[in-house]
C-alpha atoms as a PDB file:
ATOM      1  CA  GLN A   1       0.000   0.000   0.000  1.00  0.00           C
ATOM      2  CA  LEU A   2       1.394   3.347  -1.023  1.00  0.00           C
ATOM      3  CA  GLN A   3       2.062   5.631   1.918  1.00  0.00           C
ATOM      4  CA  LEU A   4       3.706   9.004   2.441  1.00  0.00           C
ATOM      5  CA  VAL A   5       4.707  10.191   5.891  1.00  0.00           C
ATOM      6  CA  GLU A   6       5.969  13.723   6.460  1.00  0.00           C
ATOM      7  CA  SER A   7       7.986  14.942   9.382  1.00  0.00           C
ATOM      8  CA  GLY A   8      10.203  17.852  10.333  1.00  0.00           C
ATOM      9  CA  GLY A   9       7.783  20.718  10.707  1.00  0.00           C
ATOM     10  CA  GLY A  10       7.873  23.080  13.634  1.00  0.00           C
ATOM     11  CA  LEU A  11       7.982  26.645  14.910  1.00  0.00           C
ATOM     12  CA  VAL A  12      10.923  28.738  13.765  1.00  0.00           C
ATOM     13  CA  HIS A  13      11.840  32.405  13.724  1.00  0.00           C
ATOM     14  CA  SER A  14      11.904  34.383  10.525  1.00  0.00           C
ATOM     15  CA  GLY A  15      15.176  33.726   8.718  1.00  0.00           C
ATOM     16  CA  GLY A  16      15.518  30.256  10.149  1.00  0.00           C
ATOM     17  CA  SER A  17      15.667  26.900   8.410  1.00  0.00           C
ATOM     18  CA  LEU A  18      13.887  23.576   8.494  1.00  0.00           C
ATOM     19  CA  ARG A  19      14.272  20.272   6.704  1.00  0.00           C
ATOM     20  CA  LEU A  20      11.088  18.395   5.990  1.00  0.00           C
ATOM     21  CA  SER A  21      11.168  14.682   5.262  1.00  0.00           C
ATOM     22  CA  CYS A  22       8.755  12.538   3.300  1.00  0.00           C
ATOM     23  CA  GLU A  23       9.234   8.814   3.753  1.00  0.00           C
ATOM     24  CA  ALA A  24       7.638   6.849   0.943  1.00  0.00           C
ATOM     25  CA  SER A  25       6.594   3.224   1.187  1.00  0.00           C
ATOM     26  CA  GLY A  26       4.837   0.859  -1.161  1.00  0.00           C
ATOM     27  CA  PHE A  27       6.313   2.338  -4.312  1.00  0.00           C
ATOM     28  CA  THR A  28       9.596   3.271  -5.934  1.00  0.00           C
ATOM     29  CA  LEU A  29      10.323   6.950  -6.441  1.00  0.00           C
ATOM     30  CA  ASP A  30      11.869   6.358  -9.867  1.00  0.00           C
ATOM     31  CA  TYR A  31       8.454   5.846 -11.488  1.00  0.00           C
ATOM     32  CA  TYR A  32       6.642   8.663  -9.767  1.00  0.00           C
ATOM     33  CA  GLY A  33       6.353  12.379  -9.703  1.00  0.00           C
ATOM     34  CA  ILE A  34       6.628  13.674  -6.171  1.00  0.00           C
ATOM     35  CA  GLY A  35       6.047  17.120  -4.836  1.00  0.00           C
ATOM     36  CA  TRP A  36       5.680  19.348  -1.842  1.00  0.00           C
ATOM     37  CA  PHE A  37       2.514  21.369  -1.534  1.00  0.00           C
ATOM     38  CA  ARG A  38       1.415  23.775   1.144  1.00  0.00           C
ATOM     39  CA  GLN A  39      -1.815  25.288   2.336  1.00  0.00           C
ATOM     40  CA  ALA A  40      -2.164  28.227   4.653  1.00  0.00           C
ATOM     41  CA  PRO A  41      -5.418  29.021   6.463  1.00  0.00           C
ATOM     42  CA  GLY A  42      -7.869  30.701   4.126  1.00  0.00           C
ATOM     43  CA  LYS A  43      -5.625  30.241   1.110  1.00  0.00           C
ATOM     44  CA  GLU A  44      -5.608  27.861  -1.803  1.00  0.00           C
ATOM     45  CA  ARG A  45      -3.197  24.971  -1.910  1.00  0.00           C
ATOM     46  CA  GLU A  46       0.102  25.836  -3.577  1.00  0.00           C
ATOM     47  CA  GLY A  47       2.508  23.449  -5.245  1.00  0.00           C
ATOM     48  CA  VAL A  48       5.903  24.735  -4.141  1.00  0.00           C
ATOM     49  CA  VAL A  49       8.246  22.170  -5.668  1.00  0.00           C
ATOM     50  CA  CYS A  50       7.785  19.073  -7.779  1.00  0.00           C
ATOM     51  CA  MET A  51      10.241  16.500  -9.045  1.00  0.00           C
ATOM     52  CA  ARG A  52      10.115  13.710 -11.566  1.00  0.00           C
ATOM     53  CA  GLY A  53      11.640  10.657  -9.971  1.00  0.00           C
ATOM     54  CA  GLY A  54      12.846   9.193 -13.252  1.00  0.00           C
ATOM     55  CA  ASP A  55      15.130  11.995 -14.369  1.00  0.00           C
ATOM     56  CA  GLY A  56      15.262  14.305 -11.362  1.00  0.00           C
ATOM     57  CA  SER A  57      13.813  17.281 -13.187  1.00  0.00           C
ATOM     58  CA  THR A  58      12.371  19.871 -10.857  1.00  0.00           C
ATOM     59  CA  TYR A  59      10.035  22.832 -10.781  1.00  0.00           C
ATOM     60  CA  TYR A  60      10.044  25.472  -8.082  1.00  0.00           C
ATOM     61  CA  ALA A  61       7.318  28.037  -7.563  1.00  0.00           C
ATOM     62  CA  ASP A  62       8.563  31.604  -7.853  1.00  0.00           C
ATOM     63  CA  SER A  63       7.676  32.221  -4.212  1.00  0.00           C
ATOM     64  CA  VAL A  64      10.289  29.708  -3.029  1.00  0.00           C
ATOM     65  CA  LYS A  65      13.043  29.806  -5.648  1.00  0.00           C
ATOM     66  CA  GLY A  66      16.447  30.190  -4.097  1.00  0.00           C
ATOM     67  CA  ARG A  67      15.187  29.258  -0.632  1.00  0.00           C
ATOM     68  CA  PHE A  68      13.690  25.772  -0.999  1.00  0.00           C
ATOM     69  CA  THR A  69      15.571  22.717  -2.244  1.00  0.00           C
ATOM     70  CA  ILE A  70      14.177  19.277  -2.919  1.00  0.00           C
ATOM     71  CA  SER A  71      16.399  16.223  -2.667  1.00  0.00           C
ATOM     72  CA  ARG A  72      16.054  12.482  -2.343  1.00  0.00           C
ATOM     73  CA  ASP A  73      17.751   9.534  -0.717  1.00  0.00           C
ATOM     74  CA  ASN A  74      17.043   6.491  -2.846  1.00  0.00           C
ATOM     75  CA  ALA A  75      18.347   4.078  -0.239  1.00  0.00           C
ATOM     76  CA  LYS A  76      15.819   5.405   2.251  1.00  0.00           C
ATOM     77  CA  ASN A  77      13.088   6.037  -0.345  1.00  0.00           C
ATOM     78  CA  THR A  78      12.786   9.459   1.215  1.00  0.00           C
ATOM     79  CA  VAL A  79      12.388  12.916  -0.238  1.00  0.00           C
ATOM     80  CA  TYR A  80      13.516  16.009   1.620  1.00  0.00           C
ATOM     81  CA  LEU A  81      12.613  19.674   1.439  1.00  0.00           C
ATOM     82  CA  GLN A  82      15.275  22.011   2.761  1.00  0.00           C
ATOM     83  CA  ILE A  83      13.741  25.366   3.593  1.00  0.00           C
ATOM     84  CA  ASN A  84      16.039  28.313   4.245  1.00  0.00           C
ATOM     85  CA  SER A  85      15.434  32.001   4.931  1.00  0.00           C
ATOM     86  CA  LEU A  86      11.955  31.257   6.227  1.00  0.00           C
ATOM     87  CA  LYS A  87       9.408  34.051   6.094  1.00  0.00           C
ATOM     88  CA  PRO A  88       6.148  34.420   8.022  1.00  0.00           C
ATOM     89  CA  GLU A  89       4.281  33.931   4.731  1.00  0.00           C
ATOM     90  CA  ASP A  90       5.769  30.419   4.537  1.00  0.00           C
ATOM     91  CA  THR A  91       3.536  29.438   7.463  1.00  0.00           C
ATOM     92  CA  ALA A  92       1.335  26.578   6.268  1.00  0.00           C
ATOM     93  CA  VAL A  93       0.707  22.873   6.464  1.00  0.00           C
ATOM     94  CA  TYR A  94       3.169  21.211   4.110  1.00  0.00           C
ATOM     95  CA  TYR A  95       2.115  18.060   2.306  1.00  0.00           C
ATOM     96  CA  CYS A  96       4.132  15.516   0.385  1.00  0.00           C
ATOM     97  CA  ALA A  97       2.272  14.052  -2.572  1.00  0.00           C
ATOM     98  CA  ALA A  98       2.950  11.627  -5.401  1.00  0.00           C
ATOM     99  CA  SER A  99       1.493  10.246  -8.584  1.00  0.00           C
ATOM    100  CA  HIS A 100       2.717   7.574 -10.960  1.00  0.00           C
ATOM    101  CA  TRP A 101       4.294   9.409 -13.875  1.00  0.00           C
ATOM    102  CA  ASP A 102       2.563   7.302 -16.533  1.00  0.00           C
ATOM    103  CA  THR A 103      -0.798   7.987 -14.902  1.00  0.00           C
ATOM    104  CA  MET A 104      -0.172  11.710 -15.048  1.00  0.00           C
ATOM    105  CA  VAL A 105       0.927  11.531 -18.683  1.00  0.00           C
ATOM    106  CA  ALA A 106      -2.321   9.739 -19.532  1.00  0.00           C
ATOM    107  CA  ARG A 107      -4.085  12.782 -18.051  1.00  0.00           C
ATOM    108  CA  ASP A 108      -1.941  15.127 -20.152  1.00  0.00           C
ATOM    109  CA  ILE A 109       0.083  16.152 -17.107  1.00  0.00           C
ATOM    110  CA  THR A 110       3.502  15.875 -18.694  1.00  0.00           C
ATOM    111  CA  THR A 111       5.722  18.284 -16.806  1.00  0.00           C
ATOM    112  CA  VAL A 112       6.698  18.769 -13.196  1.00  0.00           C
ATOM    113  CA  GLN A 113       5.279  22.274 -13.390  1.00  0.00           C
ATOM    114  CA  ALA A 114       1.934  20.848 -14.446  1.00  0.00           C
ATOM    115  CA  MET A 115       2.069  18.440 -11.533  1.00  0.00           C
ATOM    116  CA  CYS A 116       2.604  21.301  -9.120  1.00  0.00           C
ATOM    117  CA  VAL A 117      -0.399  23.093 -10.569  1.00  0.00           C
ATOM    118  CA  THR A 118      -2.684  20.065 -10.754  1.00  0.00           C
ATOM    119  CA  GLY A 119      -1.847  18.068  -7.636  1.00  0.00           C
ATOM    120  CA  ALA A 120      -1.319  14.370  -7.091  1.00  0.00           C
ATOM    121  CA  ASP A 121      -3.117  11.130  -6.308  1.00  0.00           C
ATOM    122  CA  TYR A 122      -1.460  10.182  -3.050  1.00  0.00           C
ATOM    123  CA  TRP A 123      -0.992  12.510  -0.100  1.00  0.00           C
ATOM    124  CA  GLY A 124       0.677  12.440   3.254  1.00  0.00           C
ATOM    125  CA  GLN A 125      -0.952  13.709   6.421  1.00  0.00           C
ATOM    126  CA  GLY A 126       0.927  17.014   6.391  1.00  0.00           C
ATOM    127  CA  THR A 127       3.331  18.717   8.739  1.00  0.00           C
ATOM    128  CA  GLN A 128       2.840  22.199  10.185  1.00  0.00           C
ATOM    129  CA  VAL A 129       5.422  24.884   9.579  1.00  0.00           C
ATOM    130  CA  THR A 130       4.988  28.080  11.559  1.00  0.00           C
ATOM    131  CA  VAL A 131       7.297  31.047  11.098  1.00  0.00           C
ATOM    132  CA  SER A 132       7.247  33.811  13.682  1.00  0.00           C
ATOM    133  CA  SER A 133       8.255  37.351  12.795  1.00  0.00           C
END
């Protein structure tokens, strides 16, 4: 059974850093697109970074470019999100999500940017990130 479990959220001061983890089980990252999404209270969900497992291509939302970095550890089947220079507007619940790449292509979702806009089939439970000013 496919499962995504996030961890690493917390309360940090503005300018601080966090590393979020997403442990995947029941599937191999190589065949999936995987992304980090966030949702703040009263706001729409935002895809902040997405990656294609097969070739490592990435898309970063403009709001996080230069501050967020996605990486993966194949041995641990885990994806990480390093967040630096945190701002109060980064406060949100952060979700890890994944979809099989072939499934997305069949839906005409063929780029990592499109995945970040559209969303994914499988979601973790989320981890809260709160940034104080």
